[in-house]
Amino acid sequence: MIDAGNKPVFPSDEEASLARETGKVLASGLQNEQPVQLLGPDRTPAELPPAAARLLARMLSEMANGNAVALIPIRSGSSMEEAAGILDISQSDLLALLEQGRIQWSGSGRDRRVLFGDLKRYKRERDADRGRALEALVAYDQELGI
């Protein structure tokens, strides 16, 4: 979780346990892709959109496992640090991809910005390439009788 200072906070054992139980309840409400009904402290009803409920369920699952969770807002243009985090690569690897023209960017010098759509496109292509390479390795192993 992220506190007001924007620093990761690891859940305590008690918070992890509560996250586990809350996650089970939330998961049961996600079955039909309808908004999840909530009650505020004053019993005022509210609806949680399905997309937000899925994100919250994922967050609770990670917390239940004792993992810290960070919410990173994806703006129209991500910083180099944010973009590298989204792709789970180092900033130097990201810089190489930008300089090779494999991912579009804007800005200048150290103030480069990368659009989320461009990151998503690159990640989709990278995952597809990895899938094809894995299929080729499996086929080769089968040819060899391994």
N, C-alpha and C. Protein backbone atom coordinates (compact mmCIF):
# COMPACT_ATOMS: atom_id res chain seq x y z
N MET A 1 0.85 -1.16 0.00
CA MET A 1 0.00 0.00 0.00
C MET A 1 0.89 1.23 0.00
N ILE A 2 0.40 2.35 -0.46
CA ILE A 2 1.16 3.58 -0.50
C ILE A 2 0.58 4.53 0.53
N ASP A 3 1.45 5.11 1.38
CA ASP A 3 0.95 6.07 2.36
C ASP A 3 0.96 7.47 1.75
N ALA A 4 0.62 8.46 2.55
CA ALA A 4 0.52 9.83 2.06
C ALA A 4 1.85 10.33 1.51
N GLY A 5 2.97 9.78 1.99
CA GLY A 5 4.27 10.18 1.49
C GLY A 5 4.66 9.45 0.23
N ASN A 6 3.78 8.66 -0.32
CA ASN A 6 3.99 7.91 -1.56
C ASN A 6 5.10 6.87 -1.42
N LYS A 7 5.26 6.31 -0.20
CA LYS A 7 6.25 5.26 0.04
C LYS A 7 5.51 3.94 0.26
N PRO A 8 6.03 2.85 -0.30
CA PRO A 8 5.38 1.55 -0.09
C PRO A 8 5.32 1.20 1.39
N VAL A 9 4.20 0.62 1.79
CA VAL A 9 4.00 0.17 3.16
C VAL A 9 3.60 -1.29 3.10
N PHE A 10 4.33 -2.14 3.81
CA PHE A 10 4.00 -3.55 3.84
C PHE A 10 2.89 -3.78 4.85
N PRO A 11 1.91 -4.63 4.51
CA PRO A 11 0.81 -4.87 5.45
C PRO A 11 1.29 -5.67 6.66
N SER A 12 0.72 -5.35 7.80
CA SER A 12 1.00 -6.13 9.02
C SER A 12 0.31 -7.49 8.87
N ASP A 13 0.60 -8.40 9.77
CA ASP A 13 -0.06 -9.71 9.75
C ASP A 13 -1.57 -9.55 9.89
N GLU A 14 -1.98 -8.62 10.74
CA GLU A 14 -3.41 -8.38 10.95
C GLU A 14 -4.05 -7.82 9.67
N GLU A 15 -3.36 -6.90 9.01
CA GLU A 15 -3.89 -6.34 7.77
C GLU A 15 -3.93 -7.39 6.67
N ALA A 16 -2.94 -8.27 6.63
CA ALA A 16 -2.92 -9.34 5.63
C ALA A 16 -4.11 -10.27 5.84
N SER A 17 -4.39 -10.60 7.09
CA SER A 17 -5.52 -11.46 7.41
C SER A 17 -6.85 -10.80 7.02
N LEU A 18 -6.99 -9.53 7.35
CA LEU A 18 -8.20 -8.79 6.99
C LEU A 18 -8.34 -8.70 5.46
N ALA A 19 -7.22 -8.49 4.76
CA ALA A 19 -7.24 -8.42 3.30
C ALA A 19 -7.71 -9.75 2.71
N ARG A 20 -7.26 -10.86 3.31
CA ARG A 20 -7.65 -12.20 2.84
C ARG A 20 -9.16 -12.38 2.94
N GLU A 21 -9.72 -12.03 4.10
CA GLU A 21 -11.17 -12.19 4.31
C GLU A 21 -11.98 -11.23 3.43
N THR A 22 -11.55 -9.99 3.34
CA THR A 22 -12.25 -9.01 2.51
C THR A 22 -12.16 -9.40 1.04
N GLY A 23 -11.01 -9.91 0.65
CA GLY A 23 -10.83 -10.33 -0.74
C GLY A 23 -11.80 -11.44 -1.14
N LYS A 24 -12.04 -12.38 -0.22
CA LYS A 24 -12.99 -13.47 -0.48
C LYS A 24 -14.39 -12.91 -0.72
N VAL A 25 -14.80 -11.96 0.13
CA VAL A 25 -16.13 -11.35 -0.01
C VAL A 25 -16.22 -10.59 -1.33
N LEU A 26 -15.18 -9.82 -1.64
CA LEU A 26 -15.19 -9.04 -2.88
C LEU A 26 -15.20 -9.96 -4.10
N ALA A 27 -14.42 -11.03 -4.06
CA ALA A 27 -14.36 -11.96 -5.20
C ALA A 27 -15.73 -12.57 -5.48
N SER A 28 -16.49 -12.84 -4.45
CA SER A 28 -17.82 -13.42 -4.67
C SER A 28 -18.74 -12.42 -5.37
N GLY A 29 -18.50 -11.13 -5.17
CA GLY A 29 -19.31 -10.11 -5.84
C GLY A 29 -18.88 -9.82 -7.26
N LEU A 30 -17.76 -10.36 -7.68
CA LEU A 30 -17.24 -10.09 -9.03
C LEU A 30 -17.70 -11.09 -10.07
N GLN A 31 -18.47 -12.06 -9.67
CA GLN A 31 -18.86 -13.13 -10.57
C GLN A 31 -19.66 -12.66 -11.78
N ASN A 32 -20.49 -11.63 -11.63
CA ASN A 32 -21.40 -11.25 -12.70
C ASN A 32 -21.02 -9.95 -13.42
N GLU A 33 -19.84 -9.40 -13.13
CA GLU A 33 -19.37 -8.17 -13.78
C GLU A 33 -20.33 -7.00 -13.57
N GLN A 34 -21.04 -7.02 -12.48
CA GLN A 34 -21.92 -5.91 -12.12
C GLN A 34 -21.22 -5.07 -11.05
N PRO A 35 -21.64 -3.83 -10.86
CA PRO A 35 -21.06 -3.04 -9.78
C PRO A 35 -21.22 -3.75 -8.44
N VAL A 36 -20.23 -3.63 -7.60
CA VAL A 36 -20.26 -4.23 -6.27
C VAL A 36 -20.89 -3.22 -5.31
N GLN A 37 -21.85 -3.68 -4.54
CA GLN A 37 -22.55 -2.81 -3.60
C GLN A 37 -21.72 -2.64 -2.33
N LEU A 38 -21.56 -1.39 -1.89
CA LEU A 38 -20.84 -1.08 -0.67
C LEU A 38 -21.76 -0.31 0.27
N LEU A 39 -21.44 -0.36 1.55
CA LEU A 39 -22.12 0.47 2.53
C LEU A 39 -21.08 1.33 3.23
N GLY A 40 -21.33 2.63 3.26
CA GLY A 40 -20.43 3.55 3.93
C GLY A 40 -20.59 3.45 5.43
N PRO A 41 -19.75 4.15 6.19
CA PRO A 41 -19.82 4.11 7.66
C PRO A 41 -21.19 4.53 8.19
N ASP A 42 -21.86 5.40 7.46
CA ASP A 42 -23.20 5.83 7.90
C ASP A 42 -24.30 5.00 7.24
N ARG A 43 -23.89 3.84 6.65
CA ARG A 43 -24.80 2.89 6.00
C ARG A 43 -25.35 3.43 4.67
N THR A 44 -24.73 4.49 4.13
CA THR A 44 -25.12 5.01 2.83
C THR A 44 -24.62 4.04 1.76
N PRO A 45 -25.53 3.59 0.86
CA PRO A 45 -25.09 2.65 -0.18
C PRO A 45 -24.28 3.37 -1.27
N ALA A 46 -23.34 2.62 -1.83
CA ALA A 46 -22.53 3.12 -2.94
C ALA A 46 -22.20 1.92 -3.83
N GLU A 47 -21.86 2.21 -5.08
CA GLU A 47 -21.49 1.15 -6.01
C GLU A 47 -20.03 1.30 -6.40
N LEU A 48 -19.33 0.18 -6.43
CA LEU A 48 -17.95 0.13 -6.88
C LEU A 48 -17.96 -0.42 -8.30
N PRO A 49 -17.46 0.34 -9.28
CA PRO A 49 -17.45 -0.16 -10.67
C PRO A 49 -16.69 -1.48 -10.78
N PRO A 50 -17.10 -2.37 -11.68
CA PRO A 50 -16.43 -3.67 -11.81
C PRO A 50 -14.92 -3.56 -12.03
N ALA A 51 -14.46 -2.60 -12.84
CA ALA A 51 -13.02 -2.46 -13.08
C ALA A 51 -12.29 -2.11 -11.79
N ALA A 52 -12.87 -1.21 -11.00
CA ALA A 52 -12.25 -0.84 -9.72
C ALA A 52 -12.29 -2.02 -8.75
N ALA A 53 -13.36 -2.79 -8.78
CA ALA A 53 -13.48 -3.95 -7.90
C ALA A 53 -12.41 -5.00 -8.26
N ARG A 54 -12.15 -5.20 -9.55
CA ARG A 54 -11.10 -6.15 -9.95
C ARG A 54 -9.73 -5.68 -9.45
N LEU A 55 -9.46 -4.38 -9.57
CA LEU A 55 -8.18 -3.85 -9.08
C LEU A 55 -8.07 -4.01 -7.57
N LEU A 56 -9.15 -3.71 -6.87
CA LEU A 56 -9.16 -3.85 -5.42
C LEU A 56 -8.97 -5.31 -5.01
N ALA A 57 -9.61 -6.22 -5.72
CA ALA A 57 -9.46 -7.65 -5.41
C ALA A 57 -8.00 -8.08 -5.61
N ARG A 58 -7.37 -7.60 -6.66
CA ARG A 58 -5.95 -7.92 -6.90
C ARG A 58 -5.08 -7.36 -5.79
N MET A 59 -5.36 -6.11 -5.39
CA MET A 59 -4.61 -5.48 -4.32
C MET A 59 -4.75 -6.27 -3.02
N LEU A 60 -5.98 -6.67 -2.69
CA LEU A 60 -6.23 -7.43 -1.47
C LEU A 60 -5.52 -8.78 -1.51
N SER A 61 -5.50 -9.40 -2.67
CA SER A 61 -4.81 -10.68 -2.81
C SER A 61 -3.32 -10.53 -2.52
N GLU A 62 -2.71 -9.48 -3.07
CA GLU A 62 -1.29 -9.25 -2.82
C GLU A 62 -1.04 -8.95 -1.34
N MET A 63 -1.90 -8.12 -0.75
CA MET A 63 -1.75 -7.80 0.67
C MET A 63 -1.92 -9.05 1.53
N ALA A 64 -2.84 -9.92 1.16
CA ALA A 64 -3.07 -11.15 1.91
C ALA A 64 -1.82 -12.03 1.91
N ASN A 65 -1.01 -11.90 0.86
CA ASN A 65 0.24 -12.64 0.78
C ASN A 65 1.40 -11.91 1.42
N GLY A 66 1.10 -10.76 2.07
CA GLY A 66 2.14 -10.00 2.76
C GLY A 66 2.94 -9.08 1.87
N ASN A 67 2.49 -8.88 0.63
CA ASN A 67 3.22 -8.04 -0.32
C ASN A 67 2.77 -6.58 -0.22
N ALA A 68 3.70 -5.67 -0.43
CA ALA A 68 3.36 -4.26 -0.53
C ALA A 68 2.69 -4.04 -1.88
N VAL A 69 1.80 -3.07 -1.93
CA VAL A 69 1.08 -2.80 -3.17
C VAL A 69 1.20 -1.31 -3.48
N ALA A 70 1.46 -0.99 -4.73
CA ALA A 70 1.54 0.41 -5.15
C ALA A 70 0.50 0.65 -6.23
N LEU A 71 -0.16 1.74 -6.14
CA LEU A 71 -1.11 2.16 -7.17
C LEU A 71 -0.41 3.23 -7.98
N ILE A 72 -0.21 2.96 -9.26
CA ILE A 72 0.48 3.91 -10.12
C ILE A 72 -0.53 4.45 -11.12
N PRO A 73 -0.91 5.71 -10.98
CA PRO A 73 -1.83 6.28 -11.96
C PRO A 73 -1.14 6.38 -13.32
N ILE A 74 -1.82 5.93 -14.34
CA ILE A 74 -1.27 5.98 -15.69
C ILE A 74 -1.83 7.23 -16.36
N ARG A 75 -0.97 8.19 -16.49
CA ARG A 75 -1.37 9.44 -17.14
C ARG A 75 -1.16 9.30 -18.63
N SER A 76 -1.48 10.36 -19.35
CA SER A 76 -1.31 10.30 -20.80
C SER A 76 0.15 10.06 -21.16
N GLY A 77 1.07 10.56 -20.36
CA GLY A 77 2.47 10.33 -20.62
C GLY A 77 3.18 9.91 -19.36
N SER A 78 3.78 8.73 -19.37
CA SER A 78 4.49 8.22 -18.20
C SER A 78 5.93 8.68 -18.23
N SER A 79 6.50 8.89 -17.04
CA SER A 79 7.93 9.21 -16.94
C SER A 79 8.73 7.96 -17.29
N MET A 80 10.03 8.14 -17.45
CA MET A 80 10.90 7.00 -17.73
C MET A 80 10.81 5.97 -16.61
N GLU A 81 10.80 6.44 -15.37
CA GLU A 81 10.73 5.52 -14.23
C GLU A 81 9.41 4.75 -14.23
N GLU A 82 8.31 5.45 -14.47
CA GLU A 82 7.00 4.79 -14.50
C GLU A 82 6.92 3.80 -15.65
N ALA A 83 7.40 4.21 -16.83
CA ALA A 83 7.34 3.35 -18.01
C ALA A 83 8.18 2.08 -17.81
N ALA A 84 9.38 2.24 -17.25
CA ALA A 84 10.23 1.07 -16.98
C ALA A 84 9.54 0.13 -16.00
N GLY A 85 8.87 0.69 -15.00
CA GLY A 85 8.16 -0.13 -14.03
C GLY A 85 7.00 -0.88 -14.66
N ILE A 86 6.28 -0.23 -15.55
CA ILE A 86 5.16 -0.88 -16.23
C ILE A 86 5.64 -2.08 -17.04
N LEU A 87 6.79 -1.91 -17.73
CA LEU A 87 7.34 -2.99 -18.55
C LEU A 87 8.19 -3.97 -17.75
N ASP A 88 8.44 -3.65 -16.47
CA ASP A 88 9.28 -4.48 -15.60
C ASP A 88 10.68 -4.66 -16.19
N ILE A 89 11.26 -3.54 -16.62
CA ILE A 89 12.62 -3.53 -17.14
C ILE A 89 13.37 -2.37 -16.50
N SER A 90 14.67 -2.33 -16.67
CA SER A 90 15.45 -1.23 -16.12
C SER A 90 15.26 0.02 -16.98
N GLN A 91 15.56 1.17 -16.40
CA GLN A 91 15.45 2.41 -17.16
C GLN A 91 16.46 2.43 -18.31
N SER A 92 17.63 1.82 -18.12
CA SER A 92 18.61 1.79 -19.22
C SER A 92 18.11 0.91 -20.37
N ASP A 93 17.42 -0.19 -20.06
CA ASP A 93 16.84 -1.03 -21.12
C ASP A 93 15.73 -0.27 -21.84
N LEU A 94 14.94 0.48 -21.08
CA LEU A 94 13.88 1.29 -21.70
C LEU A 94 14.50 2.34 -22.60
N LEU A 95 15.54 3.00 -22.14
CA LEU A 95 16.20 4.02 -22.95
C LEU A 95 16.69 3.44 -24.26
N ALA A 96 17.24 2.23 -24.21
CA ALA A 96 17.70 1.57 -25.44
C ALA A 96 16.53 1.34 -26.39
N LEU A 97 15.38 0.89 -25.86
CA LEU A 97 14.20 0.67 -26.71
C LEU A 97 13.72 1.97 -27.34
N LEU A 98 13.77 3.06 -26.57
CA LEU A 98 13.35 4.35 -27.11
C LEU A 98 14.29 4.81 -28.21
N GLU A 99 15.59 4.66 -27.98
CA GLU A 99 16.58 5.10 -28.96
C GLU A 99 16.55 4.24 -30.22
N GLN A 100 16.15 2.98 -30.09
CA GLN A 100 16.00 2.09 -31.25
C GLN A 100 14.72 2.37 -32.02
N GLY A 101 13.85 3.19 -31.44
CA GLY A 101 12.57 3.50 -32.08
C GLY A 101 11.52 2.42 -31.90
N ARG A 102 11.74 1.49 -30.98
CA ARG A 102 10.78 0.41 -30.77
C ARG A 102 9.58 0.86 -29.95
N ILE A 103 9.78 1.95 -29.18
CA ILE A 103 8.68 2.56 -28.43
C ILE A 103 8.75 4.05 -28.70
N GLN A 104 7.60 4.64 -29.04
CA GLN A 104 7.53 6.08 -29.31
C GLN A 104 7.63 6.86 -28.01
N TRP A 105 8.15 8.08 -28.09
CA TRP A 105 8.26 8.92 -26.91
C TRP A 105 8.21 10.38 -27.34
N SER A 106 8.01 11.24 -26.37
CA SER A 106 8.03 12.67 -26.64
C SER A 106 8.85 13.35 -25.55
N GLY A 107 9.13 14.62 -25.74
CA GLY A 107 9.94 15.37 -24.79
C GLY A 107 11.35 15.49 -25.29
N SER A 108 12.25 15.85 -24.39
CA SER A 108 13.64 16.00 -24.79
C SER A 108 14.56 15.66 -23.63
N GLY A 109 15.75 15.23 -23.97
CA GLY A 109 16.76 14.93 -22.96
C GLY A 109 16.27 13.98 -21.90
N ARG A 110 16.38 14.42 -20.66
CA ARG A 110 16.00 13.58 -19.52
C ARG A 110 14.51 13.63 -19.23
N ASP A 111 13.79 14.53 -19.88
CA ASP A 111 12.35 14.68 -19.65
C ASP A 111 11.55 13.98 -20.74
N ARG A 112 11.83 12.73 -20.96
CA ARG A 112 11.10 11.95 -21.96
C ARG A 112 9.81 11.42 -21.35
N ARG A 113 8.76 11.39 -22.15
CA ARG A 113 7.46 10.87 -21.73
C ARG A 113 7.05 9.78 -22.71
N VAL A 114 6.41 8.73 -22.20
CA VAL A 114 5.98 7.61 -23.03
C VAL A 114 4.48 7.43 -22.81
N LEU A 115 3.72 7.37 -23.90
CA LEU A 115 2.28 7.17 -23.80
C LEU A 115 1.97 5.74 -23.38
N PHE A 116 0.96 5.59 -22.52
CA PHE A 116 0.58 4.27 -22.04
C PHE A 116 0.20 3.36 -23.20
N GLY A 117 -0.50 3.89 -24.19
CA GLY A 117 -0.89 3.08 -25.35
C GLY A 117 0.32 2.50 -26.07
N ASP A 118 1.40 3.28 -26.16
CA ASP A 118 2.62 2.79 -26.80
C ASP A 118 3.30 1.71 -25.95
N LEU A 119 3.25 1.87 -24.64
CA LEU A 119 3.80 0.83 -23.76
C LEU A 119 3.00 -0.46 -23.89
N LYS A 120 1.69 -0.30 -23.92
CA LYS A 120 0.81 -1.47 -24.04
C LYS A 120 1.04 -2.20 -25.36
N ARG A 121 1.18 -1.43 -26.45
CA ARG A 121 1.44 -2.03 -27.76
C ARG A 121 2.76 -2.79 -27.75
N TYR A 122 3.82 -2.17 -27.21
CA TYR A 122 5.12 -2.83 -27.15
C TYR A 122 5.04 -4.10 -26.32
N LYS A 123 4.40 -4.02 -25.17
CA LYS A 123 4.30 -5.19 -24.28
C LYS A 123 3.53 -6.32 -24.97
N ARG A 124 2.46 -5.99 -25.68
CA ARG A 124 1.68 -7.00 -26.39
C ARG A 124 2.54 -7.67 -27.46
N GLU A 125 3.30 -6.87 -28.23
CA GLU A 125 4.18 -7.41 -29.26
C GLU A 125 5.29 -8.27 -28.65
N ARG A 126 5.86 -7.79 -27.55
CA ARG A 126 6.93 -8.53 -26.87
C ARG A 126 6.42 -9.88 -26.37
N ASP A 127 5.24 -9.88 -25.78
CA ASP A 127 4.66 -11.12 -25.27
C ASP A 127 4.35 -12.09 -26.41
N ALA A 128 3.86 -11.56 -27.54
CA ALA A 128 3.58 -12.41 -28.70
C ALA A 128 4.87 -13.01 -29.25
N ASP A 129 5.94 -12.21 -29.32
CA ASP A 129 7.25 -12.71 -29.79
C ASP A 129 7.75 -13.82 -28.87
N ARG A 130 7.60 -13.62 -27.58
CA ARG A 130 8.03 -14.64 -26.62
C ARG A 130 7.22 -15.92 -26.77
N GLY A 131 5.94 -15.78 -27.01
CA GLY A 131 5.08 -16.95 -27.22
C GLY A 131 5.49 -17.73 -28.45
N ARG A 132 5.77 -17.01 -29.55
CA ARG A 132 6.22 -17.69 -30.77
C ARG A 132 7.56 -18.39 -30.57
N ALA A 133 8.47 -17.75 -29.84
CA ALA A 133 9.78 -18.36 -29.58
C ALA A 133 9.61 -19.63 -28.75
N LEU A 134 8.74 -19.59 -27.76
CA LEU A 134 8.49 -20.77 -26.93
C LEU A 134 7.89 -21.89 -27.76
N GLU A 135 6.94 -21.57 -28.64
CA GLU A 135 6.34 -22.58 -29.51
C GLU A 135 7.39 -23.21 -30.42
N ALA A 136 8.31 -22.39 -30.93
CA ALA A 136 9.37 -22.90 -31.80
C ALA A 136 10.29 -23.83 -31.01
N LEU A 137 10.60 -23.49 -29.78
CA LEU A 137 11.44 -24.36 -28.95
C LEU A 137 10.76 -25.69 -28.66
N VAL A 138 9.48 -25.65 -28.38
CA VAL A 138 8.73 -26.87 -28.11
C VAL A 138 8.71 -27.75 -29.37
N ALA A 139 8.47 -27.14 -30.53
CA ALA A 139 8.45 -27.90 -31.78
C ALA A 139 9.82 -28.53 -32.05
N TYR A 140 10.87 -27.77 -31.79
CA TYR A 140 12.23 -28.28 -32.00
C TYR A 140 12.51 -29.45 -31.06
N ASP A 141 12.12 -29.32 -29.80
CA ASP A 141 12.29 -30.41 -28.84
C ASP A 141 11.54 -31.67 -29.30
N GLN A 142 10.34 -31.47 -29.84
CA GLN A 142 9.57 -32.61 -30.30
C GLN A 142 10.23 -33.26 -31.52
N GLU A 143 10.82 -32.48 -32.39
CA GLU A 143 11.55 -33.04 -33.55
C GLU A 143 12.71 -33.90 -33.06
N LEU A 144 13.37 -33.44 -32.00
CA LEU A 144 14.51 -34.17 -31.46
C LEU A 144 14.09 -35.33 -30.58
N GLY A 145 12.79 -35.39 -30.25
CA GLY A 145 12.30 -36.45 -29.41
C GLY A 145 12.61 -36.26 -27.94
N ILE A 146 12.76 -35.01 -27.56
CA ILE A 146 13.09 -34.72 -26.16
C ILE A 146 11.82 -34.63 -25.34
